[in-house]
C-alpha atoms as a PDB file:
ATOM      1  CA  MET A   1     133.844-159.798 180.772  1.00  0.00           C
ATOM      2  CA  ARG A   2     135.824-161.784 182.819  1.00  0.00           C
ATOM      3  CA  THR A   3     133.650-164.155 183.567  1.00  0.00           C
ATOM      4  CA  HIS A   4     133.135-164.982 179.686  1.00  0.00           C
ATOM      5  CA  ASP A   5     136.825-164.482 178.783  1.00  0.00           C
ATOM      6  CA  LEU A   6     136.568-161.504 176.954  1.00  0.00           C
ATOM      7  CA  ALA A   7     139.056-158.435 176.548  1.00  0.00           C
ATOM      8  CA  SER A   8     138.869-155.307 174.409  1.00  0.00           C
ATOM      9  CA  ARG A   9     141.033-154.664 171.816  1.00  0.00           C
ATOM     10  CA  LYS A  10     142.915-151.519 171.684  1.00  0.00           C
ATOM     11  CA  ARG A  11     143.500-150.040 168.255  1.00  0.00           C
ATOM     12  CA  ARG A  12     147.197-148.757 167.787  1.00  0.00           C
ATOM     13  CA  ARG A  13     147.364-144.842 166.921  1.00  0.00           C
ATOM     14  CA  PHE A  14     148.318-144.274 163.474  1.00  0.00           C
ATOM     15  CA  ARG A  15     151.610-142.228 163.277  1.00  0.00           C
ATOM     16  CA  VAL A  16     152.310-140.667 160.064  1.00  0.00           C
ATOM     17  CA  VAL A  17     156.150-141.420 159.104  1.00  0.00           C
ATOM     18  CA  THR A  18     157.533-138.734 156.560  1.00  0.00           C
ATOM     19  CA  THR A  19     161.402-139.533 157.179  1.00  0.00           C
ATOM     20  CA  ASP A  20     163.296-142.541 156.403  1.00  0.00           C
ATOM     21  CA  SER A  21     166.336-142.377 159.044  1.00  0.00           C
ATOM     22  CA  LYS A  22     167.248-146.110 158.982  1.00  0.00           C
ATOM     23  CA  HIS A  23     169.502-145.673 155.926  1.00  0.00           C
ATOM     24  CA  ALA A  24     173.020-146.475 155.084  1.00  0.00           C
ATOM     25  CA  HIS A  25     173.139-142.967 153.444  1.00  0.00           C
ATOM     26  CA  PRO A  26     175.786-140.720 155.131  1.00  0.00           C
ATOM     27  CA  VAL A  27     174.245-137.902 156.722  1.00  0.00           C
ATOM     28  CA  ALA A  28     175.280-134.080 156.164  1.00  0.00           C
ATOM     29  CA  LEU A  29     176.974-131.925 158.353  1.00  0.00           C
ATOM     30  CA  ASN A  30     175.443-129.334 160.013  1.00  0.00           C
ATOM     31  CA  VAL A  31     177.252-126.539 158.831  1.00  0.00           C
ATOM     32  CA  LEU A  32     175.121-123.604 160.094  1.00  0.00           C
ATOM     33  CA  GLY A  33     174.900-124.669 163.608  1.00  0.00           C
ATOM     34  CA  ARG A  34     171.977-122.719 164.151  1.00  0.00           C
ATOM     35  CA  ASP A  35     173.782-119.609 162.803  1.00  0.00           C
ATOM     36  CA  PHE A  36     170.660-118.170 161.357  1.00  0.00           C
ATOM     37  CA  ALA A  37     171.819-114.864 160.669  1.00  0.00           C
ATOM     38  CA  ALA A  38     173.403-113.830 157.197  1.00  0.00           C
ATOM     39  CA  THR A  39     175.489-110.822 156.491  1.00  0.00           C
ATOM     40  CA  ALA A  40     175.019-110.576 152.583  1.00  0.00           C
ATOM     41  CA  PRO A  41     172.603-112.024 150.302  1.00  0.00           C
ATOM     42  CA  ASN A  42     173.190-115.749 149.121  1.00  0.00           C
ATOM     43  CA  GLN A  43     175.239-116.724 151.907  1.00  0.00           C
ATOM     44  CA  LYS A  44     172.874-118.999 153.331  1.00  0.00           C
ATOM     45  CA  TRP A  45     169.920-120.644 151.797  1.00  0.00           C
ATOM     46  CA  LEU A  46     167.087-122.774 153.749  1.00  0.00           C
ATOM     47  CA  ALA A  47     165.176-125.462 152.122  1.00  0.00           C
ATOM     48  CA  ASP A  48     161.651-126.751 153.012  1.00  0.00           C
ATOM     49  CA  LEU A  49     159.021-128.950 151.817  1.00  0.00           C
ATOM     50  CA  THR A  50     155.375-128.878 152.990  1.00  0.00           C
ATOM     51  CA  HIS A  51     152.349-129.578 151.531  1.00  0.00           C
ATOM     52  CA  VAL A  52     149.135-127.570 151.008  1.00  0.00           C
ATOM     53  CA  PRO A  53     145.389-128.692 150.576  1.00  0.00           C
ATOM     54  CA  THR A  54     143.254-127.753 147.903  1.00  0.00           C
ATOM     55  CA  ASP A  55     140.315-128.568 146.287  1.00  0.00           C
ATOM     56  CA  GLU A  56     141.815-131.234 144.169  1.00  0.00           C
ATOM     57  CA  GLY A  57     144.084-133.051 146.721  1.00  0.00           C
ATOM     58  CA  TRP A  58     147.401-132.344 147.952  1.00  0.00           C
ATOM     59  CA  LEU A  59     150.068-129.559 146.616  1.00  0.00           C
ATOM     60  CA  TYR A  60     153.439-130.535 147.467  1.00  0.00           C
ATOM     61  CA  LEU A  61     155.761-127.203 147.622  1.00  0.00           C
ATOM     62  CA  ALA A  62     159.842-126.826 147.838  1.00  0.00           C
ATOM     63  CA  LEU A  63     161.151-123.859 148.662  1.00  0.00           C
ATOM     64  CA  VAL A  64     164.537-122.710 148.543  1.00  0.00           C
ATOM     65  CA  LEU A  65     164.806-119.317 151.142  1.00  0.00           C
ATOM     66  CA  ASP A  66     167.720-116.925 151.121  1.00  0.00           C
ATOM     67  CA  LEU A  67     168.197-116.190 154.937  1.00  0.00           C
ATOM     68  CA  PHE A  68     169.845-112.643 154.208  1.00  0.00           C
ATOM     69  CA  GLY A  69     166.558-111.045 153.124  1.00  0.00           C
ATOM     70  CA  ARG A  70     164.151-113.671 153.905  1.00  0.00           C
ATOM     71  CA  LYS A  71     163.089-113.921 150.310  1.00  0.00           C
ATOM     72  CA  ILE A  72     162.087-117.138 148.343  1.00  0.00           C
ATOM     73  CA  VAL A  73     164.864-117.890 145.638  1.00  0.00           C
ATOM     74  CA  GLY A  74     163.757-120.980 144.544  1.00  0.00           C
ATOM     75  CA  TRP A  75     160.676-123.034 144.521  1.00  0.00           C
ATOM     76  CA  ALA A  76     158.728-126.272 142.687  1.00  0.00           C
ATOM     77  CA  MET A  77     155.367-127.548 142.777  1.00  0.00           C
ATOM     78  CA  SER A  78     153.816-131.044 142.290  1.00  0.00           C
ATOM     79  CA  ASP A  79     150.340-133.129 142.837  1.00  0.00           C
ATOM     80  CA  THR A  80     153.066-135.963 144.003  1.00  0.00           C
ATOM     81  CA  MET A  81     156.323-135.788 146.060  1.00  0.00           C
ATOM     82  CA  PRO A  82     158.685-137.178 143.924  1.00  0.00           C
ATOM     83  CA  GLN A  83     162.497-137.024 145.260  1.00  0.00           C
ATOM     84  CA  GLU A  84     163.137-134.559 141.891  1.00  0.00           C
ATOM     85  CA  LEU A  85     160.887-131.894 143.757  1.00  0.00           C
ATOM     86  CA  THR A  86     163.646-130.595 146.052  1.00  0.00           C
ATOM     87  CA  ALA A  87     166.214-130.682 143.153  1.00  0.00           C
ATOM     88  CA  ALA A  88     164.176-128.745 141.158  1.00  0.00           C
ATOM     89  CA  ALA A  89     163.599-125.840 143.885  1.00  0.00           C
ATOM     90  CA  LEU A  90     167.515-125.835 143.737  1.00  0.00           C
ATOM     91  CA  TRP A  91     167.565-125.650 140.124  1.00  0.00           C
ATOM     92  CA  VAL A  92     165.619-122.209 140.190  1.00  0.00           C
ATOM     93  CA  ALA A  93     167.287-120.867 142.810  1.00  0.00           C
ATOM     94  CA  LEU A  94     170.543-121.421 141.138  1.00  0.00           C
ATOM     95  CA  GLY A  95     169.082-119.358 137.761  1.00  0.00           C
ATOM     96  CA  GLY A  96     167.395-122.515 136.056  1.00  0.00           C
ATOM     97  CA  ALA A  97     164.115-122.101 134.533  1.00  0.00           C
ATOM     98  CA  ILE A  98     160.733-123.564 136.228  1.00  0.00           C
ATOM     99  CA  ARG A  99     160.482-126.863 135.210  1.00  0.00           C
ATOM    100  CA  SER A 100     158.277-129.444 136.543  1.00  0.00           C
ATOM    101  CA  PRO A 101     160.281-132.379 138.470  1.00  0.00           C
ATOM    102  CA  ALA A 102     159.931-136.002 136.807  1.00  0.00           C
END
Protein backbone atom coordinates (compact mmCIF):
# COMPACT_ATOMS: atom_id res chain seq x y z
CA MET A 1 0.00 0.00 0.00
CA ARG A 2 2.90 2.34 0.74
CA THR A 3 4.41 1.58 -2.63
CA HIS A 4 1.25 2.72 -4.39
CA ASP A 5 0.64 5.57 -1.94
CA LEU A 6 -2.63 4.05 -0.69
CA ALA A 7 -4.16 4.54 2.74
CA SER A 8 -7.32 3.34 4.38
CA ARG A 9 -10.07 5.75 5.27
CA LYS A 10 -11.27 5.32 8.80
CA ARG A 11 -14.98 5.77 9.09
CA ARG A 12 -16.00 8.16 11.81
CA ARG A 13 -18.04 6.50 14.55
CA PHE A 14 -21.72 7.50 14.55
CA ARG A 15 -22.69 9.34 17.70
CA VAL A 16 -26.27 10.11 18.68
CA VAL A 17 -26.67 13.63 20.05
CA THR A 18 -29.90 14.21 21.96
CA THR A 19 -29.07 17.32 23.97
CA ASP A 20 -28.22 20.74 22.59
CA SER A 21 -25.93 22.15 25.28
CA LYS A 22 -24.65 25.00 23.12
CA HIS A 23 -27.47 27.49 23.60
CA ALA A 24 -27.89 30.94 25.08
CA HIS A 25 -30.81 30.00 27.33
CA PRO A 26 -30.33 30.14 31.11
CA VAL A 27 -29.75 26.82 32.88
CA ALA A 28 -32.18 25.92 35.67
CA LEU A 29 -30.87 25.74 39.21
CA ASN A 30 -30.31 22.36 40.87
CA VAL A 31 -32.79 22.80 43.71
CA LEU A 32 -32.77 19.12 44.75
CA GLY A 33 -29.02 18.95 45.34
CA ARG A 34 -29.19 15.16 44.75
CA ASP A 35 -31.53 14.78 47.76
CA PHE A 36 -34.16 12.45 46.30
CA ALA A 37 -35.90 11.62 49.58
CA ALA A 38 -39.34 13.17 50.05
CA THR A 39 -41.22 13.20 53.38
CA ALA A 40 -44.68 13.88 51.90
CA PRO A 41 -46.46 13.62 48.54
CA ASN A 42 -46.07 16.39 45.95
CA GLN A 43 -42.89 17.81 47.47
CA LYS A 44 -40.51 16.58 44.78
CA TRP A 45 -41.28 15.51 41.25
CA LEU A 46 -38.94 13.95 38.73
CA ALA A 47 -39.42 14.14 34.96
CA ASP A 48 -37.99 11.88 32.29
CA LEU A 49 -38.31 11.38 28.55
CA THR A 50 -37.68 8.03 26.89
CA HIS A 51 -38.42 6.18 23.69
CA VAL A 52 -39.92 2.71 23.31
CA PRO A 53 -39.52 0.58 20.16
CA THR A 54 -42.83 -0.74 18.79
CA ASP A 55 -43.85 -2.62 15.64
CA GLU A 56 -45.00 0.70 14.15
CA GLY A 57 -41.84 2.67 15.03
CA TRP A 58 -40.65 4.63 18.04
CA LEU A 59 -43.06 5.78 20.74
CA TYR A 60 -41.87 8.74 22.80
CA LEU A 61 -42.97 8.80 26.43
CA ALA A 62 -42.66 11.67 28.91
CA LEU A 63 -43.25 10.90 32.59
CA VAL A 64 -43.59 12.89 35.81
CA LEU A 65 -42.88 10.85 38.95
CA ASP A 66 -43.67 11.78 42.56
CA LEU A 67 -40.55 10.89 44.56
CA PHE A 68 -42.47 10.24 47.79
CA GLY A 69 -44.46 7.23 46.66
CA ARG A 70 -42.51 6.56 43.44
CA LYS A 71 -45.81 6.86 41.55
CA ILE A 72 -46.35 8.29 38.08
CA VAL A 73 -48.48 11.42 38.42
CA GLY A 74 -48.32 12.60 34.80
CA TRP A 75 -47.53 11.16 31.40
CA ALA A 76 -47.79 11.91 27.70
CA MET A 77 -47.01 9.87 24.57
CA SER A 78 -46.38 10.74 20.94
CA ASP A 79 -45.00 9.14 17.78
CA THR A 80 -42.78 12.21 17.35
CA MET A 81 -40.75 14.08 19.94
CA PRO A 82 -42.20 17.62 20.02
CA GLN A 83 -41.10 20.12 22.64
CA GLU A 84 -44.65 20.16 23.99
CA LEU A 85 -44.47 16.49 25.05
CA THR A 86 -42.91 17.22 28.45
CA ALA A 87 -45.27 20.14 28.99
CA ALA A 88 -48.21 17.83 28.28
CA ALA A 89 -46.96 15.37 30.92
CA LEU A 90 -46.63 18.20 33.44
CA TRP A 91 -50.13 19.39 32.54
CA VAL A 92 -51.53 15.93 33.40
CA ALA A 93 -49.54 15.89 36.67
CA LEU A 94 -51.04 19.25 37.64
CA GLY A 95 -54.56 17.85 37.17
CA GLY A 96 -55.26 18.65 33.54
CA ALA A 97 -56.91 16.27 31.15
CA ILE A 98 -54.81 14.08 28.86
CA ARG A 99 -54.36 15.76 25.49
CA SER A 100 -52.02 15.00 22.67
CA PRO A 101 -49.11 17.38 22.08
CA ALA A 102 -49.38 19.65 19.05
